[in-house]
């Protein structure tokens, strides 16, 4: 049987100064990439979040109004972000469960990219994961695709959405994109930031407050990713597909 090729482990590049994470829902960052975010902020990287929705249709059976759910979930995500060193959050307020890869969404993500000027964008995979359908929520895939299109060509092209230039948002070229979730080509060692990841996710009380064994599950998933990269026992990792865009 042919031996499976191991994945490389990320070695931090000090030229990386700014990063932007774009996801569909509050808690998507913390399930998928919070360990990596903490890894980056510990090294002085200025990380910002862009949340396409505010999770107004997500995860609980409460009788709260849509407005109340938005308030709760935005507050939870803001507190979760602090656990991993992030205080710059943008909520685009797209309706939860109805995200599509439209020109309007591309424009708004391009606006955030031009405003933050990241070297790196981290987002969700536009590919469907047939082995684990829960990671392939339609909002996730639409957000990933819209973000890739916003990175290239929209954010760098002065003739794409010229209204953004008139508003003062000059074109910006992103060097690299990391896609989470499907077919990773690299992993980030989050062994030392796993506890921050868990604390961040725990802030989403409305979503995981009654979930038993959450830390054990997170550790198991992170260990499986590390094992795929050939990392030593007890190491933990998050995986990404690296896309060069410059």
C-alpha atoms as a PDB file:
ATOM      1  CA  UNK A   1       0.000   0.000   0.000  1.00  0.00           C
ATOM      2  CA  UNK A   2       1.312   3.438  -0.929  1.00  0.00           C
ATOM      3  CA  UNK A   3       2.262   5.511   2.107  1.00  0.00           C
ATOM      4  CA  UNK A   4       0.192   8.677   2.535  1.00  0.00           C
ATOM      5  CA  UNK A   5       2.190  11.846   2.083  1.00  0.00           C
ATOM      6  CA  UNK A   6       2.381  13.936   5.241  1.00  0.00           C
ATOM      7  CA  UNK A   7       1.484  17.608   5.258  1.00  0.00           C
ATOM      8  CA  UNK A   8       3.993  20.383   5.984  1.00  0.00           C
ATOM      9  CA  UNK A   9       3.739  22.291   9.269  1.00  0.00           C
ATOM     10  CA  UNK A  10       3.563  26.071   8.947  1.00  0.00           C
ATOM     11  CA  UNK A  11       6.692  28.013   9.874  1.00  0.00           C
ATOM     12  CA  UNK A  12       5.861  31.587  10.720  1.00  0.00           C
ATOM     13  CA  UNK A  13       6.893  34.235   8.221  1.00  0.00           C
ATOM     14  CA  UNK A  14       7.752  37.470  10.018  1.00  0.00           C
ATOM     15  CA  UNK A  15       6.761  39.477   6.945  1.00  0.00           C
ATOM     16  CA  UNK A  16       3.148  38.549   7.725  1.00  0.00           C
ATOM     17  CA  UNK A  17       1.807  41.612   9.543  1.00  0.00           C
ATOM     18  CA  UNK A  18      -1.953  41.648   8.940  1.00  0.00           C
ATOM     19  CA  UNK A  19      -4.551  38.929   8.461  1.00  0.00           C
ATOM     20  CA  UNK A  20      -8.307  38.871   7.860  1.00  0.00           C
ATOM     21  CA  UNK A  21     -10.615  35.965   8.676  1.00  0.00           C
ATOM     22  CA  UNK A  22     -13.875  35.861   6.690  1.00  0.00           C
ATOM     23  CA  UNK A  23     -16.555  33.370   7.749  1.00  0.00           C
ATOM     24  CA  UNK A  24     -20.294  32.946   7.470  1.00  0.00           C
ATOM     25  CA  UNK A  25     -21.439  32.671  11.097  1.00  0.00           C
ATOM     26  CA  UNK A  26     -20.406  33.504  14.654  1.00  0.00           C
ATOM     27  CA  UNK A  27     -18.546  30.454  16.056  1.00  0.00           C
ATOM     28  CA  UNK A  28     -17.259  29.357  12.601  1.00  0.00           C
ATOM     29  CA  UNK A  29     -13.923  31.010  13.395  1.00  0.00           C
ATOM     30  CA  UNK A  30     -13.693  29.282  16.740  1.00  0.00           C
ATOM     31  CA  UNK A  31     -14.586  25.796  15.537  1.00  0.00           C
ATOM     32  CA  UNK A  32     -12.247  26.035  12.566  1.00  0.00           C
ATOM     33  CA  UNK A  33      -9.373  28.476  13.007  1.00  0.00           C
ATOM     34  CA  UNK A  34      -9.221  30.045  16.478  1.00  0.00           C
ATOM     35  CA  UNK A  35      -6.084  28.106  17.390  1.00  0.00           C
ATOM     36  CA  UNK A  36      -4.360  29.495  14.310  1.00  0.00           C
ATOM     37  CA  UNK A  37      -5.602  32.995  15.044  1.00  0.00           C
ATOM     38  CA  UNK A  38      -4.101  32.788  18.542  1.00  0.00           C
ATOM     39  CA  UNK A  39      -0.869  31.445  17.029  1.00  0.00           C
ATOM     40  CA  UNK A  40      -0.706  34.516  14.770  1.00  0.00           C
ATOM     41  CA  UNK A  41      -1.680  37.158  17.333  1.00  0.00           C
ATOM     42  CA  UNK A  42       0.935  35.779  19.754  1.00  0.00           C
ATOM     43  CA  UNK A  43       3.466  36.637  17.064  1.00  0.00           C
ATOM     44  CA  UNK A  44       2.233  40.179  16.660  1.00  0.00           C
ATOM     45  CA  UNK A  45       0.014  39.714  13.617  1.00  0.00           C
ATOM     46  CA  UNK A  46      -2.914  42.161  13.470  1.00  0.00           C
ATOM     47  CA  UNK A  47      -5.913  39.884  12.864  1.00  0.00           C
ATOM     48  CA  UNK A  48      -9.418  41.129  12.040  1.00  0.00           C
ATOM     49  CA  UNK A  49     -12.683  39.232  11.583  1.00  0.00           C
ATOM     50  CA  UNK A  50     -15.408  39.681   8.978  1.00  0.00           C
ATOM     51  CA  UNK A  51     -18.660  37.864   9.772  1.00  0.00           C
ATOM     52  CA  UNK A  52     -21.057  37.671   6.829  1.00  0.00           C
ATOM     53  CA  UNK A  53     -24.088  36.874   8.993  1.00  0.00           C
ATOM     54  CA  UNK A  54     -24.844  37.349  12.672  1.00  0.00           C
ATOM     55  CA  UNK A  55     -26.190  33.828  13.131  1.00  0.00           C
ATOM     56  CA  UNK A  56     -29.815  34.891  13.470  1.00  0.00           C
ATOM     57  CA  UNK A  57     -31.119  31.489  12.306  1.00  0.00           C
ATOM     58  CA  UNK A  58     -28.612  29.357  14.127  1.00  0.00           C
ATOM     59  CA  UNK A  59     -28.574  26.593  16.561  1.00  0.00           C
ATOM     60  CA  UNK A  60     -31.092  27.016  19.332  1.00  0.00           C
ATOM     61  CA  UNK A  61     -34.798  26.427  19.926  1.00  0.00           C
ATOM     62  CA  UNK A  62     -35.417  29.629  21.855  1.00  0.00           C
ATOM     63  CA  UNK A  63     -38.356  31.899  21.205  1.00  0.00           C
ATOM     64  CA  UNK A  64     -36.165  34.997  20.968  1.00  0.00           C
ATOM     65  CA  UNK A  65     -36.730  37.487  18.216  1.00  0.00           C
ATOM     66  CA  UNK A  66     -34.305  37.682  15.301  1.00  0.00           C
ATOM     67  CA  UNK A  67     -33.001  40.977  16.681  1.00  0.00           C
ATOM     68  CA  UNK A  68     -32.357  39.423  20.106  1.00  0.00           C
ATOM     69  CA  UNK A  69     -30.509  36.454  18.585  1.00  0.00           C
ATOM     70  CA  UNK A  70     -28.343  38.826  16.546  1.00  0.00           C
ATOM     71  CA  UNK A  71     -27.463  40.787  19.680  1.00  0.00           C
ATOM     72  CA  UNK A  72     -26.586  37.631  21.632  1.00  0.00           C
ATOM     73  CA  UNK A  73     -24.499  36.044  18.907  1.00  0.00           C
ATOM     74  CA  UNK A  74     -22.581  39.204  18.032  1.00  0.00           C
ATOM     75  CA  UNK A  75     -21.806  39.682  21.714  1.00  0.00           C
ATOM     76  CA  UNK A  76     -20.663  36.064  22.046  1.00  0.00           C
ATOM     77  CA  UNK A  77     -18.397  36.371  18.997  1.00  0.00           C
ATOM     78  CA  UNK A  78     -16.918  39.631  20.263  1.00  0.00           C
ATOM     79  CA  UNK A  79     -16.037  38.016  23.586  1.00  0.00           C
ATOM     80  CA  UNK A  80     -14.711  34.900  21.851  1.00  0.00           C
ATOM     81  CA  UNK A  81     -12.456  37.037  19.655  1.00  0.00           C
ATOM     82  CA  UNK A  82     -10.876  38.636  22.720  1.00  0.00           C
ATOM     83  CA  UNK A  83      -9.790  35.196  23.929  1.00  0.00           C
ATOM     84  CA  UNK A  84      -7.488  34.897  20.905  1.00  0.00           C
ATOM     85  CA  UNK A  85      -6.334  38.516  20.708  1.00  0.00           C
ATOM     86  CA  UNK A  86      -8.809  39.983  18.202  1.00  0.00           C
ATOM     87  CA  UNK A  87     -10.807  43.168  18.770  1.00  0.00           C
ATOM     88  CA  UNK A  88     -11.517  44.298  15.186  1.00  0.00           C
ATOM     89  CA  UNK A  89     -14.777  42.690  14.014  1.00  0.00           C
ATOM     90  CA  UNK A  90     -17.056  43.597  11.103  1.00  0.00           C
ATOM     91  CA  UNK A  91     -20.563  42.135  10.831  1.00  0.00           C
ATOM     92  CA  UNK A  92     -22.085  42.402   7.349  1.00  0.00           C
ATOM     93  CA  UNK A  93     -25.592  41.399   8.529  1.00  0.00           C
ATOM     94  CA  UNK A  94     -26.469  39.108   5.622  1.00  0.00           C
ATOM     95  CA  UNK A  95     -29.464  36.864   6.504  1.00  0.00           C
ATOM     96  CA  UNK A  96     -28.350  33.623   8.121  1.00  0.00           C
ATOM     97  CA  UNK A  97     -29.070  30.596   5.932  1.00  0.00           C
ATOM     98  CA  UNK A  98     -29.507  32.659   2.768  1.00  0.00           C
ATOM     99  CA  UNK A  99     -25.960  33.612   1.799  1.00  0.00           C
ATOM    100  CA  UNK A 100     -25.276  33.515  -1.924  1.00  0.00           C
ATOM    101  CA  UNK A 101     -22.180  34.432  -3.931  1.00  0.00           C
ATOM    102  CA  UNK A 102     -23.554  37.702  -5.266  1.00  0.00           C
ATOM    103  CA  UNK A 103     -21.853  40.813  -6.603  1.00  0.00           C
ATOM    104  CA  UNK A 104     -23.201  42.691  -3.581  1.00  0.00           C
ATOM    105  CA  UNK A 105     -21.487  40.305  -1.153  1.00  0.00           C
ATOM    106  CA  UNK A 106     -18.249  40.396  -3.153  1.00  0.00           C
ATOM    107  CA  UNK A 107     -18.294  44.192  -2.938  1.00  0.00           C
ATOM    108  CA  UNK A 108     -18.774  44.230   0.822  1.00  0.00           C
ATOM    109  CA  UNK A 109     -15.986  41.711   1.437  1.00  0.00           C
ATOM    110  CA  UNK A 110     -13.726  43.626  -0.966  1.00  0.00           C
ATOM    111  CA  UNK A 111     -14.481  46.757   1.059  1.00  0.00           C
ATOM    112  CA  UNK A 112     -13.314  45.054   4.271  1.00  0.00           C
ATOM    113  CA  UNK A 113     -10.184  43.752   2.536  1.00  0.00           C
ATOM    114  CA  UNK A 114      -9.336  47.229   1.265  1.00  0.00           C
ATOM    115  CA  UNK A 115      -9.973  48.694   4.704  1.00  0.00           C
ATOM    116  CA  UNK A 116      -7.824  46.208   6.675  1.00  0.00           C
ATOM    117  CA  UNK A 117      -5.209  45.581   3.938  1.00  0.00           C
ATOM    118  CA  UNK A 118      -4.293  42.031   5.000  1.00  0.00           C
ATOM    119  CA  UNK A 119      -1.299  40.078   3.744  1.00  0.00           C
ATOM    120  CA  UNK A 120      -3.268  36.889   4.430  1.00  0.00           C
ATOM    121  CA  UNK A 121      -6.967  36.054   4.187  1.00  0.00           C
ATOM    122  CA  UNK A 122      -8.332  32.969   5.947  1.00  0.00           C
ATOM    123  CA  UNK A 123     -11.763  31.782   4.875  1.00  0.00           C
ATOM    124  CA  UNK A 124     -13.981  28.740   4.446  1.00  0.00           C
ATOM    125  CA  UNK A 125     -13.672  26.263   1.620  1.00  0.00           C
ATOM    126  CA  UNK A 126     -16.048  26.673  -1.332  1.00  0.00           C
ATOM    127  CA  UNK A 127     -15.799  22.891  -1.878  1.00  0.00           C
ATOM    128  CA  UNK A 128     -18.326  20.458  -0.454  1.00  0.00           C
ATOM    129  CA  UNK A 129     -17.028  17.903   2.026  1.00  0.00           C
ATOM    130  CA  UNK A 130     -18.978  14.730   1.283  1.00  0.00           C
ATOM    131  CA  UNK A 131     -17.386  12.905   4.217  1.00  0.00           C
ATOM    132  CA  UNK A 132     -18.554  15.480   6.773  1.00  0.00           C
ATOM    133  CA  UNK A 133     -21.584  17.342   5.503  1.00  0.00           C
ATOM    134  CA  UNK A 134     -21.820  19.628   8.559  1.00  0.00           C
ATOM    135  CA  UNK A 135     -18.701  21.506   7.497  1.00  0.00           C
ATOM    136  CA  UNK A 136     -20.310  22.222   4.124  1.00  0.00           C
ATOM    137  CA  UNK A 137     -23.179  24.463   5.156  1.00  0.00           C
ATOM    138  CA  UNK A 138     -24.296  26.357   2.026  1.00  0.00           C
ATOM    139  CA  UNK A 139     -23.459  29.648   3.769  1.00  0.00           C
ATOM    140  CA  UNK A 140     -19.892  28.398   4.339  1.00  0.00           C
ATOM    141  CA  UNK A 141     -19.350  27.491   0.702  1.00  0.00           C
ATOM    142  CA  UNK A 142     -20.921  30.713  -0.567  1.00  0.00           C
ATOM    143  CA  UNK A 143     -18.797  32.777   1.811  1.00  0.00           C
ATOM    144  CA  UNK A 144     -15.623  30.995   0.738  1.00  0.00           C
ATOM    145  CA  UNK A 145     -16.368  31.513  -2.939  1.00  0.00           C
ATOM    146  CA  UNK A 146     -17.358  35.156  -2.495  1.00  0.00           C
ATOM    147  CA  UNK A 147     -14.180  35.782  -0.492  1.00  0.00           C
ATOM    148  CA  UNK A 148     -11.949  34.218  -3.138  1.00  0.00           C
ATOM    149  CA  UNK A 149     -13.611  36.377  -5.785  1.00  0.00           C
ATOM    150  CA  UNK A 150     -13.230  39.440  -3.568  1.00  0.00           C
ATOM    151  CA  UNK A 151      -9.525  38.671  -3.128  1.00  0.00           C
ATOM    152  CA  UNK A 152      -9.101  38.113  -6.860  1.00  0.00           C
ATOM    153  CA  UNK A 153      -9.947  40.159  -8.765  1.00  0.00           C
ATOM    154  CA  UNK A 154     -12.180  42.587  -6.863  1.00  0.00           C
ATOM    155  CA  UNK A 155     -10.047  43.972  -4.016  1.00  0.00           C
ATOM    156  CA  UNK A 156      -7.016  44.646  -6.223  1.00  0.00           C
ATOM    157  CA  UNK A 157      -8.814  45.957  -9.303  1.00  0.00           C
ATOM    158  CA  UNK A 158      -9.497  49.724  -9.280  1.00  0.00           C
ATOM    159  CA  UNK A 159     -12.153  49.224 -11.946  1.00  0.00           C
ATOM    160  CA  UNK A 160     -14.084  46.674  -9.878  1.00  0.00           C
ATOM    161  CA  UNK A 161     -16.658  48.531  -7.788  1.00  0.00           C
ATOM    162  CA  UNK A 162     -15.338  52.023  -8.556  1.00  0.00           C
ATOM    163  CA  UNK A 163     -17.645  53.355  -5.863  1.00  0.00           C
ATOM    164  CA  UNK A 164     -15.249  51.887  -3.296  1.00  0.00           C
ATOM    165  CA  UNK A 165     -12.431  54.090  -4.593  1.00  0.00           C
ATOM    166  CA  UNK A 166     -14.729  57.109  -4.411  1.00  0.00           C
ATOM    167  CA  UNK A 167     -15.427  56.181  -0.792  1.00  0.00           C
ATOM    168  CA  UNK A 168     -11.690  56.136  -0.079  1.00  0.00           C
ATOM    169  CA  UNK A 169     -11.050  52.378  -0.224  1.00  0.00           C
ATOM    170  CA  UNK A 170      -8.023  52.035  -2.455  1.00  0.00           C
ATOM    171  CA  UNK A 171      -7.217  48.692  -4.163  1.00  0.00           C
ATOM    172  CA  UNK A 172      -5.252  46.164  -2.169  1.00  0.00           C
ATOM    173  CA  UNK A 173      -3.569  42.915  -3.229  1.00  0.00           C
ATOM    174  CA  UNK A 174      -3.705  39.956  -0.828  1.00  0.00           C
ATOM    175  CA  UNK A 175      -0.633  37.719  -1.027  1.00  0.00           C
ATOM    176  CA  UNK A 176      -2.155  34.443   0.129  1.00  0.00           C
ATOM    177  CA  UNK A 177      -5.423  32.742   1.100  1.00  0.00           C
ATOM    178  CA  UNK A 178      -5.823  29.821   3.507  1.00  0.00           C
ATOM    179  CA  UNK A 179      -8.965  27.751   2.993  1.00  0.00           C
ATOM    180  CA  UNK A 180     -10.157  25.733   5.968  1.00  0.00           C
ATOM    181  CA  UNK A 181     -12.025  22.456   5.923  1.00  0.00           C
ATOM    182  CA  UNK A 182     -11.329  20.472   2.743  1.00  0.00           C
ATOM    183  CA  UNK A 183      -8.166  19.008   1.192  1.00  0.00           C
ATOM    184  CA  UNK A 184      -5.559  20.759   3.378  1.00  0.00           C
ATOM    185  CA  UNK A 185      -2.053  21.239   2.036  1.00  0.00           C
ATOM    186  CA  UNK A 186      -0.558  22.606   5.284  1.00  0.00           C
ATOM    187  CA  UNK A 187      -1.213  22.524   9.023  1.00  0.00           C
ATOM    188  CA  UNK A 188      -0.631  25.005  11.824  1.00  0.00           C
ATOM    189  CA  UNK A 189       0.615  23.666  15.165  1.00  0.00           C
ATOM    190  CA  UNK A 190      -1.945  24.828  17.746  1.00  0.00           C
ATOM    191  CA  UNK A 191      -0.709  22.710  20.647  1.00  0.00           C
ATOM    192  CA  UNK A 192       0.176  25.801  22.687  1.00  0.00           C
ATOM    193  CA  UNK A 193      -2.962  27.737  21.720  1.00  0.00           C
ATOM    194  CA  UNK A 194      -5.531  24.951  22.003  1.00  0.00           C
ATOM    195  CA  UNK A 195      -6.761  26.162  25.391  1.00  0.00           C
ATOM    196  CA  UNK A 196      -7.382  29.615  23.914  1.00  0.00           C
ATOM    197  CA  UNK A 197      -9.334  27.989  21.095  1.00  0.00           C
ATOM    198  CA  UNK A 198     -11.471  26.088  23.587  1.00  0.00           C
ATOM    199  CA  UNK A 199     -12.079  29.185  25.713  1.00  0.00           C
ATOM    200  CA  UNK A 200     -13.090  31.135  22.615  1.00  0.00           C
ATOM    201  CA  UNK A 201     -15.558  28.491  21.490  1.00  0.00           C
ATOM    202  CA  UNK A 202     -16.944  28.218  25.011  1.00  0.00           C
ATOM    203  CA  UNK A 203     -17.983  31.860  24.792  1.00  0.00           C
ATOM    204  CA  UNK A 204     -20.707  30.819  22.327  1.00  0.00           C
ATOM    205  CA  UNK A 205     -23.020  29.749  25.132  1.00  0.00           C
ATOM    206  CA  UNK A 206     -26.153  29.870  22.973  1.00  0.00           C
ATOM    207  CA  UNK A 207     -24.608  27.307  20.624  1.00  0.00           C
ATOM    208  CA  UNK A 208     -22.420  25.011  22.717  1.00  0.00           C
ATOM    209  CA  UNK A 209     -23.382  25.751  26.308  1.00  0.00           C
ATOM    210  CA  UNK A 210     -25.215  22.435  26.725  1.00  0.00           C
ATOM    211  CA  UNK A 211     -22.829  20.393  24.599  1.00  0.00           C
ATOM    212  CA  UNK A 212     -21.050  17.686  26.573  1.00  0.00           C
ATOM    213  CA  UNK A 213     -17.565  16.569  25.686  1.00  0.00           C
ATOM    214  CA  UNK A 214     -16.809  19.666  23.611  1.00  0.00           C
ATOM    215  CA  UNK A 215     -13.175  19.937  24.667  1.00  0.00           C
ATOM    216  CA  UNK A 216     -12.624  16.229  24.069  1.00  0.00           C
ATOM    217  CA  UNK A 217     -14.122  16.493  20.581  1.00  0.00           C
ATOM    218  CA  UNK A 218     -12.019  19.532  19.693  1.00  0.00           C
ATOM    219  CA  UNK A 219      -8.888  17.792  20.902  1.00  0.00           C
ATOM    220  CA  UNK A 220      -9.731  14.657  18.920  1.00  0.00           C
ATOM    221  CA  UNK A 221     -10.266  16.614  15.689  1.00  0.00           C
ATOM    222  CA  UNK A 222      -7.093  18.631  16.214  1.00  0.00           C
ATOM    223  CA  UNK A 223      -5.091  15.511  16.993  1.00  0.00           C
ATOM    224  CA  UNK A 224      -6.329  13.797  13.822  1.00  0.00           C
ATOM    225  CA  UNK A 225      -5.170  16.784  11.770  1.00  0.00           C
ATOM    226  CA  UNK A 226      -1.771  16.744  13.464  1.00  0.00           C
ATOM    227  CA  UNK A 227      -1.429  13.017  12.894  1.00  0.00           C
ATOM    228  CA  UNK A 228      -2.068  13.511   9.189  1.00  0.00           C
ATOM    229  CA  UNK A 229       0.900  15.884   9.141  1.00  0.00           C
ATOM    230  CA  UNK A 230       3.116  13.304  10.831  1.00  0.00           C
ATOM    231  CA  UNK A 231       3.421  15.387  13.988  1.00  0.00           C
ATOM    232  CA  UNK A 232       4.440  13.804  17.278  1.00  0.00           C
ATOM    233  CA  UNK A 233       1.958  12.270  19.694  1.00  0.00           C
ATOM    234  CA  UNK A 234      -0.126  14.796  21.677  1.00  0.00           C
ATOM    235  CA  UNK A 235       0.475  17.516  19.074  1.00  0.00           C
ATOM    236  CA  UNK A 236      -2.621  19.404  17.854  1.00  0.00           C
ATOM    237  CA  UNK A 237      -3.172  21.191  14.564  1.00  0.00           C
ATOM    238  CA  UNK A 238      -5.576  22.975  12.222  1.00  0.00           C
ATOM    239  CA  UNK A 239      -5.381  22.348   8.483  1.00  0.00           C
ATOM    240  CA  UNK A 240      -5.641  24.682   5.487  1.00  0.00           C
ATOM    241  CA  UNK A 241      -5.406  24.598   1.715  1.00  0.00           C
ATOM    242  CA  UNK A 242      -2.905  27.317   0.795  1.00  0.00           C
ATOM    243  CA  UNK A 243      -3.721  29.400  -2.282  1.00  0.00           C
ATOM    244  CA  UNK A 244      -1.110  31.802  -3.640  1.00  0.00           C
ATOM    245  CA  UNK A 245      -2.829  34.894  -5.015  1.00  0.00           C
ATOM    246  CA  UNK A 246       0.005  37.277  -5.823  1.00  0.00           C
END
